[in-house]
Amino acid sequence: MSLLRLAIVIALATTIAFVFACGGDTESIDFGYAGASGAPGEPGALMARDESGGLSVVETVVVERVVEVAVEREVMKEVELVQPAAAAAMVMEKSESESAQNVEISFQPQNRIIVRNADMSVESNDPIATIDDIGDLAVQRGGWVVNSNTSDHGFYHITIRIPAETLDAVIQQITNGVAKVISVNSDSTDFTEEYIDLGARRSTVQETVDALTELLRSEKYDSVQELLEVQREITNWQADLERIDGRLAFINESAAFSRLTVTVNRSPIPMRVDVGEDVHVGIGVGRKYTARFFPPEDYDSYEITWDFGDGSGPQTVYSGLRTQGEDGLLSVPVRHTYSSDEFSPHVVTVRVRASSDRGLAEGEDQLWANVSELPRLDAFISASEWDVEQGEPVTFTASFNHPDTLRDLEYSWDFRDGSPVINGTVASGETGVEVEHAFERHRPESYRVVFEIQGDSDAGEVKETHETYVSVYPAPTVEADELAASCTATTPVKA
């Protein structure tokens, strides 16, 4: 058989062996050789089973030396476990009997291969010193620093690898004496199955490389082209072997040395925040809330978060305004409406964070929001429609209740005819007002007269508005020729 064809047979036999090693069977890949039995030098056929179940000829070959490859189907009868960092190398045991090679695959005992990693977030007044302490701790535990870096906003990161069995102890040591811990997250991944599969594949690939290398050394090739083909096959299988070795090495190192990534935040600088006095607000009445805060110089990025204590969720704004003659910054107003007085009063909390390339500044303040029903204010006008003569004085009367919880009660009349609005204040206990007005011009459409009364309460402002419509008709006129010459006009006539 030529060198190239023998290389093909070896590759096919190796593939079959790997399928069995991974729990496969020969139904999906079925190869055979048909030729003159026991007659080297006679033409034969290398055959493979197609999708329909029949055999088809892959290549016609001349048998120079009969090689039978038998793969034992009893594979991986028992898998026990070893230490995580130990290699799960497969052992291929071969015994030559007559002209056949029997390959038996077994595994060394092994434990589960578990990779543990963790992430921490901590705060420190001196992040650089904290980064150095964590790096020193890694070296003391037999590990090393993978990388460390800083950002433009006072955030620092360090990643270390330490022996897996020391991960919990290192986390505890950082918690106890290195920095204030904000959060810790850890995870575990089981690589056992992948590791075993890689071990099986590696043994199979190594056998192929060895067989092809031995074939190349035998110098039994018919042409330079066949030699190059075999060398190319060796190169391809060797590259596959190196990739497997790299992955196995990575899993070994990851199982033996856990990764710990620590984010170090500079401890925030305290910042004064003033949200003002407690408030009273009515149910369903929207109210705007602002806070004044005093960030350090050059801290120009802000996050202002409001929590109104009623389960409605936080509201956040990101800017502050400077006001003339006032220190500090005034936050952009946020509007909130309470839908119920249940559980009133509510605690309103505002938290402000300011940041710069030097770090963070934080502060908060609170107030009480007393929620209650608005006082009821009812008002009425004496008539809803009027018909009056042009220039005729009309008296408008409005009546209303005057709850004790209302203060600073005021009213206004707007006749919508170009005359000034009439404003007035309601005295304590007063429940009605009157006003007189004359419409000097008539027009086809009615005048809409608006009466409004409003007052303040602890729950908020209360307002009531009513309208009436006035139709103005022209005054009668007297023609001059209708007067008798002997008559003297004694009563003025409106023109």
Foldseek 3Di string as FASTA:
>chain_A
DALLVVLVVLVVLLVQQLCLQVPHDCPVWPWDKAFDPPDAQGKIFTWIQDPVRHIDGPDIDGHHDDAAEDEDNPAAPDEAACEQLDAFAWDWDWDDDDRYIYTYIYTDHHDWQKFKAKEWEFEDQDVVVLQVVLQVVQVVQVWHWPDKDADLWQKIKTKIKHFPVCVVVSVVVCCPPRGPTDDMDMDMDTCRVVSNSLNSVLVSLVVSLVVLVVSLVVVRHDDVVSNVVSVVVNVVSVVVNVVSVVVSNVSSRSSGIYMYMYMYAYDAAEWDKAFDAAAAAEAFDKDKGKIFIADPPPQAWKWKWKDFQPPPDIDIDIDWDDDPPDHGTMDDIDMDHHNDQPPPFGKMKMKMWTTGSVHIHIYMDIYTYHYYHDDDKDKDKPDQEAEEEAFDKDKIKMFIDDDPQWPFKKKWKDQQQPDDIDIDTADPPDTMDMDIDGHNDADDAWTKMKMKMWTAGRNGIDIDIDIHTYHYDYFDDDDPVVDDPPDDDDDDGDD
